[in-house]
Amino acid sequence: MKISVIGCGYLGAVHAATLASMGHTVVGIDVDSSKVEQLNKALAPFHEPGLDELLRDGRTTGRLEFTTDFSLAADAQVHFLCVGTPQSKTSDTADLSYLIGATKSLLPHLAKGAAVVGKSTVPVGTVEKLRDLLARRSDVLLGWNPEFLRQGTAVKDSLVPDRLVYGVPGGKDAAAGLPVTAVLDAVYEPLISAGIPRLVCNFATAELIKSASNAFLATKVSFINAMAELCDASGADVSELSEAMGLDPRIGNRYLHAGLGFGGGCLPKDIRSFRAQARELAVPSVDEWMALVDSVNLDQRSRAVEIAREMCRGFLSGRTVTILGAAFKPDTDDIRDSPALDVAQQLASAGAHVTVTDPKAINNAWIRYPQIRFEASTKRALEGAELVLLLTEWDEYVSLSPAVAGSLVRRRMVLDARNVLDAEAWRSAGWTVRGLGTAAGVSVGEEHGAATPVATRRKHARA
């Protein structure tokens, strides 16, 4: 099939390359000419494992090209809308201007019988707006096919997805939806033949699925982080708590790992958009629930700063602090709403001398945060540090030698805000180690001095 993909960011570039790998002829369209030029050189404009190889294969076979010219999509049978739907600058709602603009630009180039299929994450009611735009083209099919990609594993998620969801007119078994269903079945035939589950539903359900999924994942993350604070207050260990909870098949262990919390361009803006939809639909319970999830997540960043302050004996001003990680998660260079950089800013605002290092996100971070010092070399970043914070769990940080790292720093103190280090190995190498909810309820006094139970400290503070 000839397919066009409108919007070639994280979603669109991966989707276009994946479709080409399935044997389709694909044209990716984006308004950013520099991005298009880079993609045509089979180079991803962002870090995503495996994407360069997929792009190279598509370009070599001739099945994949990128352009800024919408007219090159004129003979495509299917058009996937993959443009961004960021949070509005003035509210919690999603900004649909890019989606509307892309549809208007595509409209003059739609062939008779073509299908327009949205993949972007959108609020309920978006399809109706697009249907209004396409009203004079009754010969054009409309569908919604939400994406479920995770940055860092987007290629795998595209080649071997957990499920395929089709939003079609009237929903499952409705005659009006059968033509769109048939088109999407043809697009995804290799995946369906491989046994990937496929769900057909109405438009409203398809619009809600991605946001509802992200809301649930965010709830699990914030729940276990709230438990981490309870563990710090009581002397319990959140790692053991989450392990025991995760063995319950009704709960499961995925996304039940306590730490600094979530960030990025999806979860935060999606749960805020979800809140806005709930308010619009007069469902206050969802609005209030998501508000709490968002609040707990943001509070984790401030908790990390306060623990860092404790480890520096109450004073951050003038302290030399090294932060391992700038990206919001490992295996990406995306710094949108990065918890690591939020903590870095808070520490710098408190007067600490902060150095941030990251394997892939340094350039993006330096452009956005010129007031913070960045260092590409982990070794140079660690030199002279009085406190180290592990804030993004890249493999190279998890596997750091505590002895080697100890030879570089001024004081062997580490806050493992992702709870991924072998704490005993680091303590054996002379380090003071803190986590979020895993410190057996202790605070740090002198560098290697006696510990005081957190609950006792709080009781004394109230007295």
Protein backbone atom coordinates (compact mmCIF):
# COMPACT_ATOMS: atom_id res chain seq x y z
CA MET A 1 0.00 0.00 0.00
CA LYS A 2 1.00 3.63 -0.45
CA ILE A 3 0.78 5.31 2.96
CA SER A 4 1.50 8.82 4.19
CA VAL A 5 2.50 9.70 7.75
CA ILE A 6 1.83 13.32 8.70
CA GLY A 7 4.18 14.53 11.43
CA CYS A 8 7.61 12.95 11.85
CA GLY A 9 8.43 13.38 15.51
CA TYR A 10 8.84 10.53 18.03
CA LEU A 11 5.60 8.90 16.93
CA GLY A 12 5.57 9.64 13.21
CA ALA A 13 9.17 8.82 12.35
CA VAL A 14 8.98 5.45 14.12
CA HIS A 15 5.57 4.66 12.62
CA ALA A 16 6.71 5.54 9.09
CA ALA A 17 9.85 3.41 9.36
CA THR A 18 7.89 0.50 10.82
CA LEU A 19 5.30 0.57 8.05
CA ALA A 20 8.07 0.58 5.45
CA SER A 21 9.64 -2.46 7.13
CA MET A 22 6.29 -4.25 6.66
CA GLY A 23 6.58 -3.74 2.89
CA HIS A 24 4.45 -0.62 2.42
CA THR A 25 5.57 2.41 0.41
CA VAL A 26 5.62 5.29 2.87
CA VAL A 27 6.03 9.05 2.57
CA GLY A 28 6.59 10.95 5.81
CA ILE A 29 5.56 14.61 5.77
CA ASP A 30 6.74 17.28 8.20
CA VAL A 31 6.92 21.08 8.08
CA ASP A 32 10.45 21.06 9.55
CA SER A 33 12.78 20.93 6.53
CA SER A 34 15.90 20.24 8.61
CA LYS A 35 14.20 17.25 10.24
CA VAL A 36 13.12 15.97 6.81
CA GLU A 37 16.66 16.32 5.46
CA GLN A 38 18.09 14.39 8.41
CA LEU A 39 15.51 11.61 8.12
CA ASN A 40 16.25 11.23 4.41
CA LYS A 41 19.86 10.60 5.42
CA ALA A 42 18.54 7.73 7.59
CA LEU A 43 19.48 9.61 10.75
CA ALA A 44 16.90 10.03 13.51
CA PRO A 45 16.68 13.63 14.81
CA PHE A 46 16.39 12.22 18.34
CA HIS A 47 17.82 9.23 20.21
CA GLU A 48 15.72 6.11 19.88
CA PRO A 49 17.43 2.69 19.94
CA GLY A 50 17.06 0.81 16.66
CA LEU A 51 15.45 3.65 14.69
CA ASP A 52 18.49 4.55 12.57
CA GLU A 53 18.72 0.95 11.38
CA LEU A 54 15.02 0.91 10.50
CA LEU A 55 15.34 4.21 8.62
CA ARG A 56 18.40 2.97 6.77
CA ASP A 57 16.55 -0.16 5.67
CA GLY A 58 13.58 1.86 4.43
CA ARG A 59 15.74 4.31 2.50
CA THR A 60 17.88 1.52 1.00
CA THR A 61 14.85 -0.40 -0.29
CA GLY A 62 13.26 2.77 -1.62
CA ARG A 63 10.08 2.20 0.37
CA LEU A 64 10.56 5.22 2.64
CA GLU A 65 10.98 8.92 1.93
CA PHE A 66 10.39 12.16 3.80
CA THR A 67 9.26 15.52 2.45
CA THR A 68 7.67 18.86 3.33
CA ASP A 69 5.40 18.66 0.28
CA PHE A 70 1.85 17.48 1.06
CA SER A 71 1.14 16.90 -2.64
CA LEU A 72 3.39 13.83 -2.56
CA ALA A 73 0.73 12.15 -0.42
CA ALA A 74 -1.92 12.58 -3.12
CA ASP A 75 -1.93 8.96 -4.25
CA ALA A 76 -1.71 7.43 -0.78
CA GLN A 77 -4.49 5.04 0.24
CA VAL A 78 -4.06 5.69 3.97
CA HIS A 79 -2.95 8.85 5.79
CA PHE A 80 -1.84 8.57 9.43
CA LEU A 81 -2.02 11.76 11.52
CA CYS A 82 0.93 11.64 13.94
CA VAL A 83 1.43 15.30 14.85
CA GLY A 84 1.98 16.46 18.43
CA THR A 85 -0.85 17.36 20.78
CA PRO A 86 1.06 19.17 23.55
CA GLN A 87 -0.46 20.68 26.63
CA SER A 88 -1.90 24.11 25.97
CA LYS A 89 0.22 27.00 27.22
CA THR A 90 -2.79 28.51 28.98
CA SER A 91 -4.62 25.46 30.40
CA ASP A 92 -4.45 21.72 31.09
CA THR A 93 -6.19 20.90 27.82
CA ALA A 94 -4.45 19.44 24.77
CA ASP A 95 -3.46 21.85 22.03
CA LEU A 96 -5.09 20.46 18.87
CA SER A 97 -3.94 23.24 16.54
CA TYR A 98 -1.23 21.10 14.93
CA LEU A 99 -3.68 18.28 14.32
CA ILE A 100 -6.30 20.60 12.81
CA GLY A 101 -3.66 22.34 10.71
CA ALA A 102 -2.26 19.06 9.38
CA THR A 103 -5.75 17.86 8.42
CA LYS A 104 -6.49 21.11 6.56
CA SER A 105 -3.17 20.86 4.70
CA LEU A 106 -3.90 17.27 3.74
CA LEU A 107 -7.49 17.88 2.65
CA PRO A 108 -6.78 19.11 -0.94
CA HIS A 109 -4.62 16.05 -1.60
CA LEU A 110 -6.97 13.27 -0.52
CA ALA A 111 -7.74 10.73 -3.21
CA LYS A 112 -11.24 9.29 -3.55
CA GLY A 113 -11.76 6.48 -1.04
CA ALA A 114 -8.63 7.30 0.97
CA ALA A 115 -8.62 6.73 4.73
CA VAL A 116 -7.54 9.38 7.24
CA VAL A 117 -6.49 7.71 10.49
CA GLY A 118 -5.43 9.54 13.64
CA LYS A 119 -2.76 8.15 15.95
CA SER A 120 -2.07 11.14 18.19
CA THR A 121 -3.26 11.17 21.80
CA VAL A 122 -6.36 13.38 21.88
CA PRO A 123 -9.31 14.23 24.13
CA VAL A 124 -12.77 12.80 23.54
CA GLY A 125 -14.59 14.67 20.80
CA THR A 126 -11.54 15.30 18.60
CA VAL A 127 -12.70 12.91 15.89
CA GLU A 128 -15.94 14.85 15.59
CA LYS A 129 -13.94 18.02 14.89
CA LEU A 130 -12.03 16.23 12.15
CA ARG A 131 -15.27 14.79 10.79
CA ASP A 132 -16.56 18.36 10.45
CA LEU A 133 -13.42 19.30 8.50
CA LEU A 134 -13.90 16.32 6.18
CA ALA A 135 -17.66 16.78 5.85
CA ARG A 136 -17.53 17.76 2.19
CA ARG A 137 -15.51 14.65 1.40
CA SER A 138 -18.07 11.93 2.04
CA ASP A 139 -15.92 9.56 -0.02
CA VAL A 140 -13.08 9.70 2.54
CA LEU A 141 -12.91 7.19 5.39
CA LEU A 142 -12.08 8.29 8.95
CA GLY A 143 -10.63 6.15 11.73
CA TRP A 144 -8.65 6.36 14.96
CA ASN A 145 -5.73 4.09 15.78
CA PRO A 146 -4.17 5.23 19.09
CA GLU A 147 -0.46 4.67 19.65
CA PHE A 148 1.07 2.96 22.68
CA LEU A 149 4.77 3.66 22.12
CA ARG A 150 7.26 4.12 24.95
CA GLN A 151 10.35 6.21 24.33
CA GLY A 152 13.41 4.03 24.52
CA THR A 153 11.48 0.98 23.28
CA ALA A 154 9.39 2.61 20.52
CA VAL A 155 10.79 0.45 17.71
CA LYS A 156 10.05 -2.77 19.58
CA ASP A 157 6.63 -1.46 20.58
CA SER A 158 5.86 -0.83 16.91
CA LEU A 159 7.19 -4.10 15.53
CA VAL A 160 5.72 -6.24 18.33
CA PRO A 161 2.89 -4.20 19.89
CA ASP A 162 0.82 -5.38 22.84
CA ARG A 163 -2.39 -4.70 20.92
CA LEU A 164 -3.93 -2.88 17.97
CA VAL A 165 -6.94 -0.62 18.57
CA TYR A 166 -9.22 0.64 15.80
CA GLY A 167 -11.73 3.40 16.44
CA VAL A 168 -14.35 3.24 13.67
CA PRO A 169 -17.78 4.77 12.99
CA GLY A 170 -20.37 2.97 15.09
CA GLY A 171 -17.85 0.69 16.76
CA LYS A 172 -17.46 -3.07 16.55
CA ASP A 173 -19.66 -4.86 14.01
CA ALA A 174 -21.28 -1.62 12.79
CA ALA A 175 -21.64 -1.60 9.02
CA ALA A 176 -20.31 1.97 8.83
CA GLY A 177 -17.04 0.89 10.42
CA LEU A 178 -16.32 -2.12 8.24
CA PRO A 179 -14.50 -0.25 5.42
CA VAL A 180 -12.04 1.40 7.86
CA THR A 181 -11.52 -1.87 9.68
CA ALA A 182 -10.69 -3.58 6.38
CA VAL A 183 -8.18 -0.88 5.46
CA LEU A 184 -6.41 -1.08 8.82
CA ASP A 185 -6.37 -4.87 8.67
CA ALA A 186 -4.56 -4.57 5.34
CA VAL A 187 -2.05 -2.11 6.82
CA TYR A 188 -1.30 -4.31 9.81
CA GLU A 189 -1.65 -7.71 8.12
CA PRO A 190 1.83 -8.91 9.20
CA LEU A 191 1.07 -8.07 12.84
CA ILE A 192 -2.39 -9.63 12.79
CA SER A 193 -0.98 -12.78 11.18
CA ALA A 194 1.57 -12.92 13.98
CA GLY A 195 -1.25 -13.05 16.53
CA ILE A 196 -1.21 -9.48 17.86
CA PRO A 197 -4.56 -8.83 19.62
CA ARG A 198 -6.88 -6.44 17.79
CA LEU A 199 -9.75 -4.48 19.34
CA VAL A 200 -12.37 -2.61 17.31
CA CYS A 201 -14.38 0.05 19.17
CA ASN A 202 -16.18 3.35 18.66
CA PHE A 203 -14.41 6.69 18.37
CA ALA A 204 -14.92 7.82 21.97
CA THR A 205 -13.42 4.61 23.34
CA ALA A 206 -10.42 4.83 21.00
CA GLU A 207 -9.85 8.46 22.02
CA LEU A 208 -9.94 7.56 25.73
CA ILE A 209 -7.81 4.39 25.69
CA LYS A 210 -4.34 5.96 25.59
CA SER A 211 -5.18 8.61 28.19
CA ALA A 212 -6.85 6.05 30.46
CA SER A 213 -3.85 3.73 30.17
CA ASN A 214 -1.43 6.52 31.00
CA ALA A 215 -3.61 7.65 33.89
CA PHE A 216 -3.52 4.14 35.36
CA LEU A 217 0.25 3.82 34.94
CA ALA A 218 0.76 7.24 36.52
CA THR A 219 -1.47 6.15 39.40
CA LYS A 220 0.69 3.06 40.05
CA VAL A 221 3.88 5.15 40.01
CA SER A 222 2.48 7.81 42.32
CA PHE A 223 0.97 5.21 44.63
CA ILE A 224 4.26 3.42 45.23
CA ASN A 225 6.04 6.75 45.64
CA ALA A 226 3.50 7.72 48.31
CA MET A 227 4.29 4.37 49.95
CA ALA A 228 8.00 5.27 49.77
CA GLU A 229 7.35 8.37 51.87
CA LEU A 230 5.38 6.24 54.33
CA CYS A 231 8.30 3.78 54.47
CA ASP A 232 10.76 6.60 55.18
CA ALA A 233 8.54 7.76 58.02
CA SER A 234 8.10 4.30 59.52
CA GLY A 235 11.42 2.56 58.90
CA ALA A 236 10.03 0.15 56.29
CA ASP A 237 11.71 -0.62 52.95
CA VAL A 238 9.67 0.24 49.85
CA SER A 239 11.67 -2.11 47.60
CA GLU A 240 10.65 -5.10 49.70
CA LEU A 241 7.12 -3.73 49.99
CA SER A 242 6.71 -3.35 46.22
CA GLU A 243 8.25 -6.77 45.57
CA ALA A 244 5.71 -8.40 47.84
CA MET A 245 2.84 -6.42 46.35
CA GLY A 246 3.96 -7.21 42.81
CA LEU A 247 3.71 -10.95 43.43
CA ASP A 248 -0.04 -10.54 43.75
CA PRO A 249 -1.31 -11.29 40.21
CA ARG A 250 -4.10 -8.77 40.68
CA ILE A 251 -1.49 -6.02 41.09
CA GLY A 252 1.64 -7.04 39.17
CA ASN A 253 5.10 -5.53 39.52
CA ARG A 254 5.27 -3.32 36.42
CA TYR A 255 5.34 0.41 37.19
CA LEU A 256 5.45 -0.44 40.88
CA HIS A 257 9.02 0.74 41.39
CA ALA A 258 9.49 3.66 43.77
CA GLY A 259 11.76 6.51 42.76
CA LEU A 260 11.84 10.06 41.50
CA GLY A 261 8.64 9.70 39.51
CA PHE A 262 7.63 10.18 35.90
CA GLY A 263 8.21 12.94 33.39
CA GLY A 264 8.47 13.28 29.62
CA GLY A 265 6.13 14.53 26.95
CA CYS A 266 3.31 12.01 27.50
CA LEU A 267 2.32 11.00 31.03
CA PRO A 268 2.30 14.48 32.64
CA LYS A 269 0.40 16.23 29.87
CA ASP A 270 -1.91 13.27 29.30
CA ILE A 271 -3.10 13.08 32.90
CA ARG A 272 -3.66 16.85 32.92
CA SER A 273 -5.64 16.60 29.71
CA PHE A 274 -7.55 13.71 31.30
CA ARG A 275 -8.41 16.00 34.21
CA ALA A 276 -9.65 18.67 31.82
CA GLN A 277 -11.84 16.13 30.02
CA ALA A 278 -13.27 14.96 33.35
CA ARG A 279 -14.15 18.52 34.31
CA GLU A 280 -15.79 19.11 30.94
CA LEU A 281 -17.80 15.91 31.31
CA ALA A 282 -18.71 16.75 34.95
CA VAL A 283 -16.87 13.79 36.50
CA PRO A 284 -15.16 15.42 39.52
CA SER A 285 -13.88 12.14 40.99
CA VAL A 286 -11.51 11.60 38.04
CA ASP A 287 -10.42 15.24 38.13
CA GLU A 288 -9.58 15.06 41.85
CA TRP A 289 -7.92 11.66 41.52
CA MET A 290 -5.62 12.79 38.72
CA ALA A 291 -4.82 15.99 40.63
CA LEU A 292 -3.55 13.88 43.55
CA VAL A 293 -1.53 11.62 41.23
CA ASP A 294 0.10 14.66 39.64
CA SER A 295 0.79 16.24 43.03
CA VAL A 296 2.43 13.13 44.50
CA ASN A 297 4.62 12.84 41.42
CA LEU A 298 5.83 16.43 41.62
CA ASP A 299 6.35 16.17 45.38
CA GLN A 300 8.90 13.39 44.83
CA ARG A 301 11.23 15.92 43.25
CA SER A 302 11.04 18.21 46.27
CA ARG A 303 11.54 15.20 48.57
CA ALA A 304 14.75 14.36 46.72
CA VAL A 305 15.98 17.93 47.21
CA GLU A 306 15.20 17.81 50.94
CA ILE A 307 17.02 14.49 51.37
CA ALA A 308 19.98 15.99 49.51
CA ARG A 309 19.87 18.89 51.97
CA GLU A 310 19.90 16.45 54.91
CA MET A 311 22.89 14.64 53.43
CA CYS A 312 24.69 17.98 53.20
CA ARG A 313 24.06 18.55 56.93
CA GLY A 314 21.27 21.00 56.29
CA PHE A 315 23.09 23.34 53.90
CA LEU A 316 23.11 23.13 50.11
CA SER A 317 24.65 26.53 49.48
CA GLY A 318 28.21 26.16 48.23
CA ARG A 319 28.06 22.36 48.04
CA THR A 320 29.48 20.64 44.95
CA VAL A 321 26.77 18.32 43.64
CA THR A 322 26.90 15.94 40.69
CA ILE A 323 23.71 14.69 39.04
CA LEU A 324 23.78 11.51 37.00
CA GLY A 325 21.12 11.87 34.32
CA ALA A 326 19.31 14.66 32.48
CA ALA A 327 16.82 12.78 30.29
CA PHE A 328 13.43 12.02 31.81
CA LYS A 329 14.17 8.29 31.43
CA PRO A 330 17.03 6.15 30.10
CA ASP A 331 17.46 5.31 26.40
CA THR A 332 16.16 8.68 25.21
CA ASP A 333 17.50 12.21 24.83
CA ASP A 334 14.10 13.73 25.66
CA ILE A 335 14.26 16.25 28.52
CA ARG A 336 10.63 17.37 28.50
CA ASP A 337 9.39 17.67 32.09
CA SER A 338 12.52 15.83 33.25
CA PRO A 339 12.46 15.11 37.01
CA ALA A 340 16.29 15.11 36.98
CA LEU A 341 16.54 18.62 35.57
CA ASP A 342 13.78 19.87 37.87
CA VAL A 343 15.82 18.64 40.86
CA ALA A 344 18.99 20.14 39.36
CA GLN A 345 17.30 23.52 39.09
CA GLN A 346 16.01 23.37 42.65
CA LEU A 347 19.48 22.50 43.97
CA ALA A 348 21.08 25.29 41.95
CA SER A 349 18.46 27.74 43.22
CA ALA A 350 19.41 26.70 46.78
CA GLY A 351 23.00 27.71 46.06
CA ALA A 352 24.59 24.35 45.24
CA HIS A 353 27.27 24.11 42.54
CA VAL A 354 25.52 21.61 40.26
CA THR A 355 27.05 19.57 37.46
CA VAL A 356 24.78 17.36 35.32
CA THR A 357 25.94 14.54 33.08
CA ASP A 358 24.02 12.27 30.69
CA PRO A 359 24.99 9.88 27.87
CA LYS A 360 22.60 11.36 25.27
CA ALA A 361 20.71 14.41 26.52
CA ILE A 362 23.51 16.91 27.25
CA ASN A 363 23.01 19.03 24.13
CA ASN A 364 19.24 19.27 24.55
CA ALA A 365 19.60 20.09 28.24
CA TRP A 366 22.34 22.68 27.80
CA ILE A 367 20.23 24.62 25.28
CA ARG A 368 17.23 24.61 27.62
CA TYR A 369 19.09 25.17 30.91
CA PRO A 370 22.11 27.41 30.21
CA GLN A 371 22.35 28.33 33.90
CA ILE A 372 23.36 24.76 34.85
CA ARG A 373 26.81 23.26 34.23
CA PHE A 374 26.81 20.17 32.01
CA GLU A 375 29.59 17.65 31.50
CA ALA A 376 29.55 14.84 28.93
CA SER A 377 32.16 12.75 30.76
CA THR A 378 30.89 10.89 33.82
CA LYS A 379 34.42 10.76 35.22
CA ARG A 380 34.94 14.52 34.97
CA ALA A 381 31.45 15.18 36.33
CA LEU A 382 32.21 13.14 39.47
CA GLU A 383 35.53 14.81 40.25
CA GLY A 384 35.37 16.71 43.54
CA ALA A 385 31.70 16.04 44.23
CA GLU A 386 30.48 16.26 47.81
CA LEU A 387 27.18 14.59 46.92
CA VAL A 388 26.13 12.45 43.96
CA LEU A 389 22.50 12.06 42.91
CA LEU A 390 21.49 9.26 40.54
CA LEU A 391 18.36 10.66 38.89
CA THR A 392 18.11 8.82 35.55
CA GLU A 393 18.80 5.10 35.65
CA TRP A 394 21.04 4.70 32.61
CA ASP A 395 22.82 1.32 32.59
CA GLU A 396 26.22 2.95 32.80
CA TYR A 397 25.28 4.63 36.07
CA VAL A 398 23.72 1.50 37.55
CA SER A 399 26.92 -0.42 36.76
CA LEU A 400 29.32 2.23 38.07
CA SER A 401 32.10 0.85 40.24
CA PRO A 402 31.68 2.33 43.73
CA ALA A 403 35.44 2.07 44.27
CA VAL A 404 36.27 3.94 41.05
CA ALA A 405 33.58 6.54 41.68
CA GLY A 406 34.84 6.87 45.26
CA SER A 407 38.33 7.72 44.03
CA LEU A 408 36.95 10.72 42.11
CA VAL A 409 34.62 12.40 44.61
CA ARG A 410 35.46 14.50 47.64
CA ARG A 411 32.84 12.82 49.86
CA ARG A 412 31.37 9.37 49.29
CA MET A 413 27.69 10.22 49.54
CA VAL A 414 25.08 9.17 47.02
CA LEU A 415 21.33 9.69 46.80
CA ASP A 416 19.96 6.91 44.62
CA ALA A 417 16.64 8.51 43.73
CA ARG A 418 15.78 5.65 41.36
CA ASN A 419 16.52 2.87 43.88
CA VAL A 420 18.62 0.90 41.38
CA LEU A 421 22.09 0.70 42.94
CA ASP A 422 23.42 -2.25 44.93
CA ALA A 423 23.33 -0.30 48.17
CA GLU A 424 25.33 -2.86 50.17
CA ALA A 425 28.13 -2.90 47.61
CA TRP A 426 28.34 0.87 47.72
CA ARG A 427 28.25 0.97 51.52
CA SER A 428 31.01 -1.65 51.61
CA ALA A 429 33.08 0.75 49.49
CA GLY A 430 32.63 3.46 52.13
CA TRP A 431 29.68 5.31 50.71
CA THR A 432 26.73 6.76 52.58
CA VAL A 433 23.74 5.66 50.51
CA ARG A 434 20.20 7.00 50.60
CA GLY A 435 17.21 6.05 48.49
CA LEU A 436 13.60 7.11 48.41
CA GLY A 437 11.82 4.81 50.83
CA THR A 438 14.71 2.32 51.03
CA ALA A 439 16.96 3.80 53.69
CA ALA A 440 15.45 1.74 56.51
CA GLY A 441 14.10 5.02 57.82
CA VAL A 442 17.45 6.63 58.54
CA SER A 443 18.82 10.08 58.02
CA VAL A 444 22.45 11.05 57.63
CA GLY A 445 24.29 13.03 60.25
CA GLU A 446 28.05 13.11 59.79
CA GLU A 447 29.43 11.73 56.55
CA HIS A 448 29.65 8.20 57.92
CA GLY A 449 28.17 8.89 61.29
CA ALA A 450 25.34 7.34 63.26
CA ALA A 451 21.88 7.27 61.79
CA THR A 452 18.73 8.63 63.38
CA PRO A 453 15.32 7.11 62.60
CA VAL A 454 13.28 9.49 60.44
CA ALA A 455 10.18 9.05 62.58
CA THR A 456 12.18 9.96 65.72
CA ARG A 457 13.67 12.99 64.00
CA ARG A 458 10.21 14.22 62.99
CA LYS A 459 8.88 13.65 66.50
CA HIS A 460 11.72 15.76 67.94
CA ALA A 461 11.12 18.42 65.30
CA ARG A 462 7.47 18.71 66.37
CA ALA A 463 8.32 18.86 70.05
